Amino acid sequence: MRKNNILHFLLLCLVIVLVVAYRFFNFIPNFTPIAALALFSGYVFKNKRWAIAFPIITLFISDLIIGLYDPIVMVFTYLSFVIIALLGAKMIKKLKISNVFISSLTASVTFFILSNFGVWLGGWYSYSWQGLINCYTLAIPFFRYEVVGTLLFSAVIFTIYNYIINPVANAQMQNKQI
């Protein structure tokens, strides 16, 4: 493994450790970096498999530590992050504040719709239109945490990438060309 690949691998491991640690000590529901990480993965990884795998692996490791939950809810939750990673690849072609903001809001809505549909389908509410409406209505307070968390973590992750990681990587590439 080349030195550059080892550094990338270690950086990815560090991100996984930080996200897992954050989820372990976070006490605000749905205020997590997972959606922002999925968006970022979609933007950074040109290989769609890696773009999807990275946030899913990170989420799964943290779920193993925190605790697994209803399998139906897990499927829809994980599916939402697969879609969010693909949204990151499609919606953030150029790194601009407006692109990150709009994709972060879209990611939050995607997570809200899919994860709560999984909650309803998992039998937490009656299998009726009223049960579905109750499920989404009672989830609204958690939605605001999801939106704020995704916006905040997206701002942090994309800012660090744009102003620290990307310039360092570009400088290293220029040094190799000399």
N, C-alpha and C. Protein backbone atom coordinates (compact mmCIF):
# COMPACT_ATOMS: atom_id res chain seq x y z
N MET A 1 0.85 -1.18 0.00
CA MET A 1 0.00 0.00 0.00
C MET A 1 0.89 1.24 0.00
N ARG A 2 0.62 2.15 -0.91
CA ARG A 2 1.41 3.37 -0.98
C ARG A 2 1.14 4.25 0.24
N LYS A 3 2.11 5.12 0.53
CA LYS A 3 2.00 6.01 1.69
C LYS A 3 0.72 6.85 1.63
N ASN A 4 0.39 7.38 0.44
CA ASN A 4 -0.80 8.21 0.27
C ASN A 4 -2.07 7.41 0.56
N ASN A 5 -2.11 6.14 0.10
CA ASN A 5 -3.27 5.29 0.36
C ASN A 5 -3.41 4.98 1.85
N ILE A 6 -2.29 4.77 2.51
CA ILE A 6 -2.32 4.51 3.95
C ILE A 6 -2.87 5.72 4.70
N LEU A 7 -2.43 6.92 4.29
CA LEU A 7 -2.93 8.14 4.93
C LEU A 7 -4.44 8.31 4.70
N HIS A 8 -4.90 8.03 3.49
CA HIS A 8 -6.34 8.10 3.23
C HIS A 8 -7.11 7.08 4.06
N PHE A 9 -6.58 5.89 4.14
CA PHE A 9 -7.23 4.84 4.93
C PHE A 9 -7.29 5.25 6.41
N LEU A 10 -6.20 5.78 6.94
CA LEU A 10 -6.18 6.22 8.33
C LEU A 10 -7.15 7.38 8.56
N LEU A 11 -7.24 8.29 7.60
CA LEU A 11 -8.18 9.40 7.71
C LEU A 11 -9.62 8.89 7.74
N LEU A 12 -9.93 7.92 6.88
CA LEU A 12 -11.28 7.33 6.87
C LEU A 12 -11.57 6.63 8.20
N CYS A 13 -10.58 5.92 8.72
CA CYS A 13 -10.76 5.25 10.02
C CYS A 13 -10.99 6.28 11.13
N LEU A 14 -10.25 7.38 11.07
CA LEU A 14 -10.42 8.44 12.07
C LEU A 14 -11.83 9.02 12.00
N VAL A 15 -12.34 9.24 10.80
CA VAL A 15 -13.70 9.76 10.65
C VAL A 15 -14.70 8.78 11.25
N ILE A 16 -14.53 7.49 10.96
CA ILE A 16 -15.44 6.48 11.52
C ILE A 16 -15.39 6.51 13.04
N VAL A 17 -14.21 6.56 13.62
CA VAL A 17 -14.06 6.59 15.08
C VAL A 17 -14.74 7.83 15.66
N LEU A 18 -14.53 8.99 15.03
CA LEU A 18 -15.14 10.23 15.53
C LEU A 18 -16.66 10.18 15.46
N VAL A 19 -17.20 9.68 14.36
CA VAL A 19 -18.66 9.61 14.22
C VAL A 19 -19.25 8.62 15.21
N VAL A 20 -18.61 7.47 15.36
CA VAL A 20 -19.08 6.47 16.32
C VAL A 20 -19.04 7.04 17.73
N ALA A 21 -17.94 7.70 18.08
CA ALA A 21 -17.82 8.30 19.42
C ALA A 21 -18.88 9.37 19.63
N TYR A 22 -19.11 10.18 18.61
CA TYR A 22 -20.13 11.21 18.74
C TYR A 22 -21.51 10.60 18.97
N ARG A 23 -21.85 9.59 18.18
CA ARG A 23 -23.16 8.96 18.34
C ARG A 23 -23.30 8.31 19.71
N PHE A 24 -22.19 7.80 20.26
CA PHE A 24 -22.24 7.15 21.55
C PHE A 24 -22.52 8.15 22.67
N PHE A 25 -21.97 9.36 22.54
CA PHE A 25 -22.12 10.36 23.61
C PHE A 25 -23.18 11.43 23.31
N ASN A 26 -23.85 11.32 22.18
CA ASN A 26 -24.87 12.29 21.80
C ASN A 26 -26.19 11.94 22.49
N PHE A 27 -26.81 12.95 23.09
CA PHE A 27 -28.08 12.72 23.76
C PHE A 27 -29.23 13.51 23.14
N ILE A 28 -28.96 14.13 22.00
CA ILE A 28 -30.00 14.85 21.27
C ILE A 28 -30.46 13.93 20.14
N PRO A 29 -31.72 13.54 20.13
CA PRO A 29 -32.18 12.60 19.10
C PRO A 29 -32.04 13.16 17.69
N ASN A 30 -31.54 12.34 16.80
CA ASN A 30 -31.39 12.65 15.37
C ASN A 30 -30.41 13.79 15.07
N PHE A 31 -29.68 14.25 16.05
CA PHE A 31 -28.68 15.30 15.85
C PHE A 31 -27.33 14.61 15.65
N THR A 32 -27.15 14.05 14.46
CA THR A 32 -25.95 13.26 14.18
C THR A 32 -25.31 13.69 12.86
N PRO A 33 -24.05 13.32 12.65
CA PRO A 33 -23.35 13.67 11.41
C PRO A 33 -23.55 12.67 10.27
N ILE A 34 -24.38 11.65 10.45
CA ILE A 34 -24.47 10.58 9.45
C ILE A 34 -24.98 11.10 8.10
N ALA A 35 -26.03 11.89 8.07
CA ALA A 35 -26.55 12.40 6.80
C ALA A 35 -25.52 13.31 6.13
N ALA A 36 -24.87 14.15 6.91
CA ALA A 36 -23.82 15.02 6.35
C ALA A 36 -22.66 14.18 5.81
N LEU A 37 -22.32 13.13 6.52
CA LEU A 37 -21.25 12.23 6.06
C LEU A 37 -21.65 11.53 4.77
N ALA A 38 -22.92 11.14 4.66
CA ALA A 38 -23.40 10.49 3.44
C ALA A 38 -23.36 11.47 2.26
N LEU A 39 -23.78 12.70 2.48
CA LEU A 39 -23.70 13.72 1.42
C LEU A 39 -22.25 13.93 0.99
N PHE A 40 -21.39 14.07 1.98
CA PHE A 40 -19.97 14.30 1.71
C PHE A 40 -19.36 13.11 0.96
N SER A 41 -19.73 11.91 1.34
CA SER A 41 -19.22 10.72 0.66
C SER A 41 -19.65 10.71 -0.80
N GLY A 42 -20.89 11.10 -1.05
CA GLY A 42 -21.37 11.18 -2.42
C GLY A 42 -20.61 12.21 -3.23
N TYR A 43 -20.22 13.28 -2.58
CA TYR A 43 -19.45 14.33 -3.26
C TYR A 43 -18.00 13.92 -3.50
N VAL A 44 -17.37 13.34 -2.51
CA VAL A 44 -15.93 13.07 -2.56
C VAL A 44 -15.59 11.80 -3.34
N PHE A 45 -16.29 10.71 -3.06
CA PHE A 45 -15.96 9.44 -3.70
C PHE A 45 -16.57 9.39 -5.10
N LYS A 46 -15.71 9.26 -6.09
CA LYS A 46 -16.21 9.15 -7.47
C LYS A 46 -16.79 7.75 -7.70
N ASN A 47 -16.28 6.77 -6.97
CA ASN A 47 -16.80 5.41 -7.05
C ASN A 47 -18.07 5.34 -6.19
N LYS A 48 -19.20 5.10 -6.83
CA LYS A 48 -20.49 5.10 -6.12
C LYS A 48 -20.54 4.04 -5.01
N ARG A 49 -19.86 2.93 -5.22
CA ARG A 49 -19.86 1.89 -4.18
C ARG A 49 -19.24 2.42 -2.89
N TRP A 50 -18.12 3.14 -3.00
CA TRP A 50 -17.49 3.72 -1.82
C TRP A 50 -18.35 4.83 -1.23
N ALA A 51 -18.97 5.61 -2.11
CA ALA A 51 -19.83 6.70 -1.64
C ALA A 51 -20.97 6.17 -0.78
N ILE A 52 -21.49 5.02 -1.16
CA ILE A 52 -22.58 4.39 -0.41
C ILE A 52 -22.04 3.62 0.80
N ALA A 53 -20.95 2.90 0.59
CA ALA A 53 -20.44 2.01 1.64
C ALA A 53 -19.92 2.77 2.86
N PHE A 54 -19.25 3.89 2.64
CA PHE A 54 -18.61 4.57 3.77
C PHE A 54 -19.61 5.01 4.85
N PRO A 55 -20.69 5.72 4.53
CA PRO A 55 -21.63 6.08 5.60
C PRO A 55 -22.37 4.87 6.16
N ILE A 56 -22.63 3.86 5.32
CA ILE A 56 -23.34 2.67 5.80
C ILE A 56 -22.45 1.89 6.78
N ILE A 57 -21.19 1.73 6.46
CA ILE A 57 -20.25 1.05 7.36
C ILE A 57 -20.14 1.82 8.68
N THR A 58 -20.02 3.13 8.57
CA THR A 58 -19.92 3.97 9.77
C THR A 58 -21.17 3.83 10.64
N LEU A 59 -22.33 3.89 10.02
CA LEU A 59 -23.59 3.75 10.75
C LEU A 59 -23.69 2.37 11.39
N PHE A 60 -23.33 1.34 10.64
CA PHE A 60 -23.44 -0.03 11.16
C PHE A 60 -22.52 -0.25 12.35
N ILE A 61 -21.29 0.24 12.27
CA ILE A 61 -20.35 0.10 13.39
C ILE A 61 -20.92 0.80 14.63
N SER A 62 -21.44 2.02 14.43
CA SER A 62 -22.00 2.72 15.59
C SER A 62 -23.26 2.04 16.11
N ASP A 63 -24.07 1.47 15.22
CA ASP A 63 -25.25 0.73 15.67
C ASP A 63 -24.86 -0.53 16.44
N LEU A 64 -23.79 -1.18 16.04
CA LEU A 64 -23.33 -2.36 16.78
C LEU A 64 -22.93 -1.99 18.21
N ILE A 65 -22.34 -0.82 18.36
CA ILE A 65 -21.89 -0.37 19.69
C ILE A 65 -23.07 0.16 20.51
N ILE A 66 -23.88 1.01 19.89
CA ILE A 66 -25.00 1.61 20.61
C ILE A 66 -26.12 0.60 20.84
N GLY A 67 -26.35 -0.21 19.84
CA GLY A 67 -27.41 -1.21 19.91
C GLY A 67 -28.23 -1.23 18.64
N LEU A 68 -28.51 -2.43 18.19
CA LEU A 68 -29.33 -2.58 16.99
C LEU A 68 -30.79 -2.36 17.36
N TYR A 69 -31.61 -2.13 16.38
CA TYR A 69 -33.02 -1.84 16.63
C TYR A 69 -33.87 -2.61 15.63
N ASP A 70 -35.14 -2.32 15.60
CA ASP A 70 -36.10 -3.02 14.75
C ASP A 70 -35.55 -3.18 13.33
N PRO A 71 -35.48 -4.40 12.80
CA PRO A 71 -34.89 -4.64 11.48
C PRO A 71 -35.57 -3.86 10.34
N ILE A 72 -36.88 -3.72 10.40
CA ILE A 72 -37.57 -2.97 9.34
C ILE A 72 -37.17 -1.50 9.39
N VAL A 73 -37.11 -0.94 10.59
CA VAL A 73 -36.70 0.46 10.74
C VAL A 73 -35.25 0.61 10.26
N MET A 74 -34.41 -0.36 10.59
CA MET A 74 -33.01 -0.29 10.16
C MET A 74 -32.90 -0.29 8.63
N VAL A 75 -33.67 -1.14 7.97
CA VAL A 75 -33.61 -1.21 6.51
C VAL A 75 -33.96 0.15 5.91
N PHE A 76 -35.03 0.77 6.39
CA PHE A 76 -35.44 2.05 5.83
C PHE A 76 -34.48 3.17 6.22
N THR A 77 -33.92 3.10 7.42
CA THR A 77 -32.93 4.09 7.83
C THR A 77 -31.68 3.99 6.96
N TYR A 78 -31.18 2.78 6.77
CA TYR A 78 -29.99 2.58 5.95
C TYR A 78 -30.28 2.96 4.50
N LEU A 79 -31.46 2.61 4.01
CA LEU A 79 -31.84 2.97 2.65
C LEU A 79 -31.83 4.49 2.47
N SER A 80 -32.28 5.21 3.49
CA SER A 80 -32.27 6.67 3.39
C SER A 80 -30.86 7.20 3.22
N PHE A 81 -29.87 6.59 3.89
CA PHE A 81 -28.49 7.07 3.76
C PHE A 81 -27.86 6.65 2.44
N VAL A 82 -28.30 5.55 1.88
CA VAL A 82 -27.86 5.18 0.52
C VAL A 82 -28.34 6.25 -0.45
N ILE A 83 -29.60 6.62 -0.35
CA ILE A 83 -30.16 7.65 -1.23
C ILE A 83 -29.49 8.99 -0.99
N ILE A 84 -29.21 9.32 0.25
CA ILE A 84 -28.55 10.59 0.57
C ILE A 84 -27.15 10.64 -0.03
N ALA A 85 -26.42 9.54 0.01
CA ALA A 85 -25.09 9.50 -0.61
C ALA A 85 -25.20 9.74 -2.12
N LEU A 86 -26.20 9.13 -2.74
CA LEU A 86 -26.41 9.34 -4.17
C LEU A 86 -26.85 10.78 -4.46
N LEU A 87 -27.63 11.37 -3.55
CA LEU A 87 -27.99 12.78 -3.68
C LEU A 87 -26.76 13.67 -3.62
N GLY A 88 -25.84 13.34 -2.73
CA GLY A 88 -24.60 14.11 -2.64
C GLY A 88 -23.83 14.08 -3.95
N ALA A 89 -23.83 12.94 -4.61
CA ALA A 89 -23.14 12.81 -5.90
C ALA A 89 -23.84 13.62 -6.99
N LYS A 90 -25.16 13.66 -6.95
CA LYS A 90 -25.92 14.35 -8.00
C LYS A 90 -26.09 15.85 -7.74
N MET A 91 -26.33 16.21 -6.48
CA MET A 91 -26.70 17.60 -6.18
C MET A 91 -25.51 18.52 -5.93
N ILE A 92 -24.38 17.95 -5.53
CA ILE A 92 -23.23 18.80 -5.20
C ILE A 92 -22.15 18.55 -6.25
N LYS A 93 -22.37 19.06 -7.43
CA LYS A 93 -21.37 18.93 -8.50
C LYS A 93 -20.24 19.92 -8.26
N LYS A 94 -20.61 21.10 -7.80
CA LYS A 94 -19.63 22.15 -7.50
C LYS A 94 -19.84 22.54 -6.04
N LEU A 95 -18.74 22.67 -5.31
CA LEU A 95 -18.83 22.97 -3.88
C LEU A 95 -19.19 24.44 -3.69
N LYS A 96 -20.48 24.68 -3.44
CA LYS A 96 -20.99 26.02 -3.15
C LYS A 96 -21.90 25.91 -1.93
N ILE A 97 -21.97 26.99 -1.18
CA ILE A 97 -22.81 27.01 0.02
C ILE A 97 -24.25 26.64 -0.32
N SER A 98 -24.78 27.20 -1.40
CA SER A 98 -26.18 26.92 -1.76
C SER A 98 -26.39 25.45 -2.08
N ASN A 99 -25.43 24.82 -2.76
CA ASN A 99 -25.56 23.39 -3.09
C ASN A 99 -25.55 22.53 -1.84
N VAL A 100 -24.65 22.85 -0.91
CA VAL A 100 -24.57 22.08 0.34
C VAL A 100 -25.83 22.31 1.18
N PHE A 101 -26.30 23.54 1.23
CA PHE A 101 -27.50 23.87 2.01
C PHE A 101 -28.72 23.12 1.47
N ILE A 102 -28.96 23.23 0.17
CA ILE A 102 -30.14 22.59 -0.43
C ILE A 102 -30.04 21.06 -0.32
N SER A 103 -28.88 20.51 -0.55
CA SER A 103 -28.74 19.05 -0.45
C SER A 103 -28.88 18.59 0.99
N SER A 104 -28.46 19.40 1.95
CA SER A 104 -28.62 19.04 3.37
C SER A 104 -30.10 19.02 3.75
N LEU A 105 -30.85 20.00 3.28
CA LEU A 105 -32.29 20.00 3.55
C LEU A 105 -32.97 18.81 2.87
N THR A 106 -32.57 18.53 1.64
CA THR A 106 -33.12 17.38 0.92
C THR A 106 -32.78 16.08 1.65
N ALA A 107 -31.57 15.99 2.16
CA ALA A 107 -31.15 14.80 2.91
C ALA A 107 -32.01 14.62 4.16
N SER A 108 -32.27 15.71 4.87
CA SER A 108 -33.10 15.63 6.08
C SER A 108 -34.52 15.18 5.77
N VAL A 109 -35.08 15.72 4.70
CA VAL A 109 -36.43 15.32 4.30
C VAL A 109 -36.46 13.85 3.88
N THR A 110 -35.44 13.43 3.15
CA THR A 110 -35.34 12.03 2.72
C THR A 110 -35.28 11.10 3.93
N PHE A 111 -34.43 11.44 4.89
CA PHE A 111 -34.31 10.63 6.11
C PHE A 111 -35.65 10.60 6.86
N PHE A 112 -36.29 11.76 7.00
CA PHE A 112 -37.56 11.85 7.71
C PHE A 112 -38.62 10.95 7.08
N ILE A 113 -38.76 11.07 5.77
CA ILE A 113 -39.80 10.30 5.06
C ILE A 113 -39.54 8.80 5.15
N LEU A 114 -38.32 8.39 4.83
CA LEU A 114 -38.03 6.95 4.78
C LEU A 114 -37.95 6.30 6.16
N SER A 115 -37.26 6.93 7.08
CA SER A 115 -37.11 6.30 8.40
C SER A 115 -38.45 6.20 9.12
N ASN A 116 -39.28 7.22 9.00
CA ASN A 116 -40.57 7.16 9.67
C ASN A 116 -41.55 6.24 8.97
N PHE A 117 -41.40 6.08 7.66
CA PHE A 117 -42.20 5.07 6.98
C PHE A 117 -41.82 3.69 7.51
N GLY A 118 -40.51 3.47 7.75
CA GLY A 118 -40.06 2.22 8.33
C GLY A 118 -40.61 2.00 9.73
N VAL A 119 -40.68 3.08 10.51
CA VAL A 119 -41.26 2.99 11.86
C VAL A 119 -42.72 2.56 11.75
N TRP A 120 -43.46 3.19 10.85
CA TRP A 120 -44.87 2.83 10.67
C TRP A 120 -45.00 1.39 10.18
N LEU A 121 -44.21 1.03 9.18
CA LEU A 121 -44.26 -0.32 8.62
C LEU A 121 -43.83 -1.37 9.65
N GLY A 122 -42.98 -0.96 10.58
CA GLY A 122 -42.51 -1.87 11.62
C GLY A 122 -43.55 -2.16 12.70
N GLY A 123 -44.71 -1.54 12.60
CA GLY A 123 -45.79 -1.85 13.52
C GLY A 123 -45.86 -0.97 14.76
N TRP A 124 -45.17 0.14 14.74
CA TRP A 124 -45.20 1.03 15.90
C TRP A 124 -46.50 1.82 15.96
N TYR A 125 -47.18 1.92 14.83
CA TYR A 125 -48.46 2.61 14.74
C TYR A 125 -49.41 1.69 13.98
N SER A 126 -50.71 1.97 14.08
CA SER A 126 -51.69 1.11 13.39
C SER A 126 -51.48 1.19 11.87
N TYR A 127 -51.76 0.08 11.22
CA TYR A 127 -51.63 0.02 9.76
C TYR A 127 -52.86 0.63 9.10
N SER A 128 -52.91 1.95 9.17
CA SER A 128 -54.02 2.70 8.56
C SER A 128 -53.47 4.07 8.18
N TRP A 129 -54.30 4.82 7.42
CA TRP A 129 -53.88 6.18 7.08
C TRP A 129 -53.69 7.01 8.34
N GLN A 130 -54.56 6.82 9.31
CA GLN A 130 -54.44 7.57 10.57
C GLN A 130 -53.15 7.20 11.29
N GLY A 131 -52.80 5.92 11.27
CA GLY A 131 -51.56 5.49 11.90
C GLY A 131 -50.34 6.09 11.21
N LEU A 132 -50.38 6.14 9.89
CA LEU A 132 -49.27 6.74 9.13
C LEU A 132 -49.16 8.23 9.41
N ILE A 133 -50.30 8.91 9.45
CA ILE A 133 -50.32 10.34 9.75
C ILE A 133 -49.81 10.59 11.17
N ASN A 134 -50.25 9.76 12.12
CA ASN A 134 -49.77 9.89 13.50
C ASN A 134 -48.26 9.69 13.57
N CYS A 135 -47.76 8.72 12.84
CA CYS A 135 -46.33 8.44 12.84
C CYS A 135 -45.53 9.67 12.39
N TYR A 136 -45.93 10.24 11.27
CA TYR A 136 -45.21 11.42 10.76
C TYR A 136 -45.44 12.64 11.65
N THR A 137 -46.64 12.81 12.18
CA THR A 137 -46.93 13.96 13.04
C THR A 137 -46.10 13.92 14.31
N LEU A 138 -46.03 12.75 14.93
CA LEU A 138 -45.28 12.63 16.19
C LEU A 138 -43.76 12.68 15.97
N ALA A 139 -43.32 12.54 14.72
CA ALA A 139 -41.89 12.59 14.41
C ALA A 139 -41.41 14.02 14.12
N ILE A 140 -42.33 14.94 13.96
CA ILE A 140 -41.94 16.32 13.61
C ILE A 140 -40.97 16.95 14.61
N PRO A 141 -41.14 16.79 15.92
CA PRO A 141 -40.15 17.38 16.84
C PRO A 141 -38.73 16.85 16.60
N PHE A 142 -38.60 15.60 16.20
CA PHE A 142 -37.28 15.03 15.93
C PHE A 142 -36.71 15.54 14.62
N PHE A 143 -37.60 15.92 13.71
CA PHE A 143 -37.18 16.41 12.40
C PHE A 143 -36.34 17.68 12.52
N ARG A 144 -36.72 18.56 13.42
CA ARG A 144 -35.95 19.80 13.55
C ARG A 144 -34.52 19.52 13.99
N TYR A 145 -34.33 18.50 14.86
CA TYR A 145 -32.97 18.13 15.26
C TYR A 145 -32.19 17.57 14.07
N GLU A 146 -32.88 16.80 13.25
CA GLU A 146 -32.26 16.23 12.05
C GLU A 146 -31.80 17.34 11.11
N VAL A 147 -32.67 18.32 10.88
CA VAL A 147 -32.33 19.42 9.97
C VAL A 147 -31.15 20.23 10.51
N VAL A 148 -31.23 20.63 11.75
CA VAL A 148 -30.16 21.45 12.34
C VAL A 148 -28.85 20.66 12.37
N GLY A 149 -28.91 19.39 12.77
CA GLY A 149 -27.71 18.57 12.82
C GLY A 149 -27.09 18.38 11.45
N THR A 150 -27.91 18.08 10.45
CA THR A 150 -27.38 17.88 9.11
C THR A 150 -26.79 19.17 8.55
N LEU A 151 -27.47 20.29 8.75
CA LEU A 151 -26.92 21.57 8.29
C LEU A 151 -25.61 21.90 8.99
N LEU A 152 -25.57 21.73 10.30
CA LEU A 152 -24.36 22.06 11.05
C LEU A 152 -23.20 21.14 10.66
N PHE A 153 -23.43 19.83 10.67
CA PHE A 153 -22.35 18.91 10.35
C PHE A 153 -21.93 19.01 8.88
N SER A 154 -22.85 19.30 7.99
CA SER A 154 -22.48 19.52 6.59
C SER A 154 -21.57 20.75 6.47
N ALA A 155 -21.95 21.81 7.17
CA ALA A 155 -21.12 23.02 7.14
C ALA A 155 -19.71 22.72 7.65
N VAL A 156 -19.62 22.00 8.75
CA VAL A 156 -18.31 21.68 9.33
C VAL A 156 -17.51 20.77 8.40
N ILE A 157 -18.11 19.69 7.93
CA ILE A 157 -17.39 18.71 7.12
C ILE A 157 -16.93 19.32 5.80
N PHE A 158 -17.84 20.01 5.10
CA PHE A 158 -17.48 20.58 3.81
C PHE A 158 -16.50 21.75 3.95
N THR A 159 -16.59 22.51 5.04
CA THR A 159 -15.64 23.59 5.28
C THR A 159 -14.25 23.04 5.54
N ILE A 160 -14.15 22.02 6.39
CA ILE A 160 -12.85 21.40 6.65
C ILE A 160 -12.26 20.84 5.36
N TYR A 161 -13.10 20.19 4.57
CA TYR A 161 -12.61 19.64 3.31
C TYR A 161 -12.13 20.75 2.38
N ASN A 162 -12.94 21.79 2.22
CA ASN A 162 -12.64 22.84 1.26
C ASN A 162 -11.42 23.68 1.65
N TYR A 163 -11.26 23.95 2.94
CA TYR A 163 -10.21 24.87 3.36
C TYR A 163 -8.97 24.20 3.96
N ILE A 164 -9.06 22.92 4.29
CA ILE A 164 -7.90 22.24 4.88
C ILE A 164 -7.47 21.03 4.06
N ILE A 165 -8.36 20.07 3.90
CA ILE A 165 -7.98 18.81 3.26
C ILE A 165 -7.69 18.99 1.77
N ASN A 166 -8.58 19.62 1.05
CA ASN A 166 -8.40 19.80 -0.40
C ASN A 166 -7.16 20.61 -0.74
N PRO A 167 -6.89 21.75 -0.08
CA PRO A 167 -5.65 22.48 -0.40
C PRO A 167 -4.38 21.67 -0.11
N VAL A 168 -4.38 20.91 0.96
CA VAL A 168 -3.21 20.09 1.28
C VAL A 168 -3.02 19.01 0.21
N ALA A 169 -4.12 18.37 -0.19
CA ALA A 169 -4.04 17.34 -1.23
C ALA A 169 -3.57 17.93 -2.55
N ASN A 170 -4.06 19.12 -2.90
CA ASN A 170 -3.63 19.76 -4.14
C ASN A 170 -2.15 20.14 -4.09
N ALA A 171 -1.69 20.59 -2.94
CA ALA A 171 -0.27 20.94 -2.79
C ALA A 171 0.60 19.70 -2.95
N GLN A 172 0.15 18.56 -2.39
CA GLN A 172 0.91 17.34 -2.53
C GLN A 172 0.95 16.89 -3.99
N MET A 173 -0.15 17.04 -4.71
CA MET A 173 -0.18 16.67 -6.12
C MET A 173 0.76 17.53 -6.94
N GLN A 174 0.82 18.83 -6.62
CA GLN A 174 1.71 19.74 -7.34
C GLN A 174 3.17 19.39 -7.05
N ASN A 175 3.47 19.01 -5.81
CA ASN A 175 4.85 18.62 -5.46
C ASN A 175 5.27 17.37 -6.20
N LYS A 176 4.35 16.44 -6.43
CA LYS A 176 4.68 15.20 -7.15
C LYS A 176 4.93 15.47 -8.63
N GLN A 177 4.29 16.51 -9.19
CA GLN A 177 4.45 16.82 -10.59
C GLN A 177 5.76 17.54 -10.89
N ILE A 178 6.37 18.14 -9.88
CA ILE A 178 7.60 18.90 -10.07
C ILE A 178 8.78 17.99 -10.26
